[in-house]
Structure formats: structure tokens, C-alpha cells
N, C-alpha and C. Protein backbone atom coordinates (compact mmCIF):
# COMPACT_ATOMS: atom_id res chain seq x y z
N MET A 1 0.85 -1.17 0.00
CA MET A 1 0.00 0.00 0.00
C MET A 1 0.90 1.24 0.00
N SER A 2 0.63 2.14 -0.91
CA SER A 2 1.44 3.35 -0.97
C SER A 2 1.08 4.28 0.18
N LYS A 3 1.91 5.27 0.38
CA LYS A 3 1.67 6.22 1.47
C LYS A 3 0.38 7.00 1.24
N ALA A 4 0.09 7.37 -0.02
CA ALA A 4 -1.14 8.11 -0.33
C ALA A 4 -2.38 7.26 -0.03
N GLU A 5 -2.33 5.97 -0.42
CA GLU A 5 -3.46 5.09 -0.12
C GLU A 5 -3.65 4.91 1.38
N HIS A 6 -2.56 4.82 2.10
CA HIS A 6 -2.63 4.67 3.56
C HIS A 6 -3.27 5.92 4.19
N ILE A 7 -2.90 7.10 3.72
CA ILE A 7 -3.47 8.34 4.26
C ILE A 7 -4.96 8.41 3.96
N LEU A 8 -5.34 8.07 2.71
CA LEU A 8 -6.76 8.11 2.35
C LEU A 8 -7.58 7.13 3.18
N SER A 9 -7.08 5.91 3.38
CA SER A 9 -7.85 4.93 4.15
C SER A 9 -7.95 5.33 5.61
N SER A 10 -6.90 5.91 6.16
CA SER A 10 -6.98 6.33 7.55
C SER A 10 -7.91 7.53 7.71
N ASN A 11 -7.98 8.40 6.72
CA ASN A 11 -8.88 9.55 6.80
C ASN A 11 -10.34 9.12 6.75
N THR A 12 -10.68 8.15 5.91
CA THR A 12 -12.08 7.71 5.85
C THR A 12 -12.49 7.05 7.15
N ARG A 13 -11.56 6.34 7.80
CA ARG A 13 -11.89 5.75 9.09
C ARG A 13 -12.12 6.82 10.15
N SER A 14 -11.33 7.86 10.13
CA SER A 14 -11.50 8.91 11.13
C SER A 14 -12.78 9.69 10.90
N ILE A 15 -13.19 9.84 9.64
CA ILE A 15 -14.46 10.53 9.36
C ILE A 15 -15.63 9.71 9.91
N ARG A 16 -15.57 8.38 9.71
CA ARG A 16 -16.64 7.53 10.22
C ARG A 16 -16.72 7.59 11.74
N SER A 17 -15.58 7.61 12.40
CA SER A 17 -15.59 7.64 13.85
C SER A 17 -16.06 8.99 14.37
N ARG A 18 -15.82 10.06 13.62
CA ARG A 18 -16.27 11.38 14.05
C ARG A 18 -17.78 11.53 13.96
N ARG A 19 -18.43 10.79 13.09
CA ARG A 19 -19.89 10.90 12.96
C ARG A 19 -20.61 10.46 14.22
N ARG A 20 -19.99 9.60 14.99
CA ARG A 20 -20.65 9.08 16.19
C ARG A 20 -20.64 10.07 17.33
N SER A 21 -19.91 11.16 17.20
CA SER A 21 -19.86 12.11 18.30
C SER A 21 -21.21 12.82 18.40
N GLY A 22 -21.70 12.94 19.58
CA GLY A 22 -22.99 13.57 19.81
C GLY A 22 -23.58 13.02 21.09
N PHE A 23 -24.60 13.70 21.55
CA PHE A 23 -25.19 13.29 22.83
C PHE A 23 -26.02 12.03 22.67
N LEU A 24 -26.86 11.99 21.63
CA LEU A 24 -27.74 10.85 21.42
C LEU A 24 -27.35 10.09 20.17
N GLY A 25 -27.49 8.78 20.23
CA GLY A 25 -27.33 7.96 19.04
C GLY A 25 -28.65 7.90 18.30
N THR A 26 -28.69 7.07 17.28
CA THR A 26 -29.91 6.95 16.48
C THR A 26 -31.06 6.39 17.32
N ARG A 27 -30.76 5.39 18.14
CA ARG A 27 -31.83 4.81 18.96
C ARG A 27 -32.34 5.81 19.98
N GLY A 28 -31.47 6.65 20.51
CA GLY A 28 -31.90 7.67 21.46
C GLY A 28 -32.81 8.70 20.82
N ILE A 29 -32.47 9.11 19.60
CA ILE A 29 -33.30 10.09 18.90
C ILE A 29 -34.66 9.51 18.59
N VAL A 30 -34.70 8.25 18.13
CA VAL A 30 -35.98 7.60 17.82
C VAL A 30 -36.82 7.47 19.08
N ALA A 31 -36.19 7.09 20.19
CA ALA A 31 -36.94 6.96 21.45
C ALA A 31 -37.47 8.31 21.91
N LEU A 32 -36.67 9.36 21.77
CA LEU A 32 -37.11 10.69 22.17
C LEU A 32 -38.28 11.16 21.31
N LEU A 33 -38.22 10.93 20.01
CA LEU A 33 -39.32 11.31 19.13
C LEU A 33 -40.59 10.52 19.45
N ALA A 34 -40.44 9.23 19.74
CA ALA A 34 -41.61 8.41 20.08
C ALA A 34 -42.25 8.87 21.38
N LEU A 35 -41.45 9.17 22.38
CA LEU A 35 -42.01 9.65 23.65
C LEU A 35 -42.66 11.02 23.50
N THR A 36 -42.07 11.88 22.69
CA THR A 36 -42.66 13.20 22.45
C THR A 36 -43.99 13.06 21.74
N ALA A 37 -44.05 12.18 20.73
CA ALA A 37 -45.31 11.96 20.01
C ALA A 37 -46.39 11.40 20.95
N LEU A 38 -46.00 10.48 21.81
CA LEU A 38 -46.96 9.92 22.76
C LEU A 38 -47.46 10.98 23.73
N LEU A 39 -46.55 11.81 24.21
CA LEU A 39 -46.94 12.87 25.13
C LEU A 39 -47.89 13.86 24.46
N LEU A 40 -47.59 14.24 23.23
CA LEU A 40 -48.48 15.16 22.50
C LEU A 40 -49.84 14.53 22.24
N PHE A 41 -49.84 13.24 21.90
CA PHE A 41 -51.11 12.55 21.68
C PHE A 41 -51.97 12.56 22.94
N VAL A 42 -51.37 12.23 24.07
CA VAL A 42 -52.12 12.23 25.33
C VAL A 42 -52.57 13.63 25.69
N PHE A 43 -51.70 14.61 25.46
CA PHE A 43 -52.02 15.99 25.81
C PHE A 43 -53.19 16.52 24.97
N PHE A 44 -53.14 16.28 23.66
CA PHE A 44 -54.17 16.83 22.79
C PHE A 44 -55.48 16.05 22.79
N THR A 45 -55.51 14.89 23.38
CA THR A 45 -56.78 14.15 23.47
C THR A 45 -57.55 14.48 24.74
N GLN A 46 -57.01 15.34 25.58
CA GLN A 46 -57.74 15.76 26.78
C GLN A 46 -58.86 16.72 26.38
N PRO A 47 -60.03 16.62 27.00
CA PRO A 47 -61.17 17.47 26.60
C PRO A 47 -60.89 18.97 26.72
N GLN A 48 -60.21 19.40 27.77
CA GLN A 48 -59.94 20.83 27.92
C GLN A 48 -59.03 21.33 26.80
N MET A 49 -58.09 20.53 26.42
CA MET A 49 -57.17 20.95 25.37
C MET A 49 -57.88 21.01 24.03
N ARG A 50 -58.80 20.08 23.78
CA ARG A 50 -59.57 20.13 22.54
C ARG A 50 -60.37 21.42 22.46
N GLU A 51 -60.98 21.81 23.56
CA GLU A 51 -61.76 23.05 23.58
C GLU A 51 -60.88 24.26 23.30
N THR A 52 -59.70 24.27 23.90
CA THR A 52 -58.77 25.38 23.70
C THR A 52 -58.32 25.46 22.24
N VAL A 53 -57.99 24.31 21.65
CA VAL A 53 -57.56 24.29 20.25
C VAL A 53 -58.69 24.74 19.34
N LYS A 54 -59.92 24.31 19.61
CA LYS A 54 -61.05 24.76 18.82
C LYS A 54 -61.25 26.25 18.91
N ALA A 55 -61.06 26.81 20.11
CA ALA A 55 -61.20 28.25 20.29
C ALA A 55 -60.12 29.00 19.51
N TRP A 56 -58.90 28.52 19.55
CA TRP A 56 -57.80 29.16 18.81
C TRP A 56 -58.03 29.08 17.31
N ILE A 57 -58.51 27.93 16.84
CA ILE A 57 -58.77 27.78 15.41
C ILE A 57 -59.89 28.70 14.97
N SER A 58 -60.91 28.84 15.80
CA SER A 58 -62.02 29.74 15.43
C SER A 58 -61.57 31.19 15.40
N LEU A 59 -60.60 31.56 16.24
CA LEU A 59 -60.06 32.91 16.19
C LEU A 59 -59.30 33.17 14.90
N ILE A 60 -58.57 32.15 14.44
CA ILE A 60 -57.78 32.31 13.22
C ILE A 60 -58.69 32.31 11.99
N THR A 61 -59.63 31.38 11.93
CA THR A 61 -60.47 31.25 10.74
C THR A 61 -61.60 32.29 10.72
N GLY A 62 -61.94 32.80 11.86
CA GLY A 62 -62.97 33.82 11.91
C GLY A 62 -64.26 33.24 12.16
């Protein structure tokens, strides 16, 4: 392997390893989105919240 090929292969490995830096991985982001969606679903299915949303929509639509 020439020196140029060695440099290129080592650079692609370092780029791949740098992508993993971050607070959450893919599974963490998916779990966070699922919990947020569940929370919003529960929140917006409450009767008081439905009334509030209807009132806001009627203000916008006239």
C-alpha cells in the first residue's frame, strides 16, 4: 500500500468515527421522538385541550 493510499484509508476511518460524536445515538433520537409523540397525543386528546384548540382555530379562521 502506498503512502497516499494509507493516508486516504486512515482519513475515511477517522471521518466515520467522528460521525458518532454527539449526545444521542440513532436509537436515542428515535426513542425521544416516540415519547414526544406519545406525550403530545395524550395531551391533545384531553377534553380541555380540545376546547382550547377549537377556540384558537375559530379565532384564526374567523
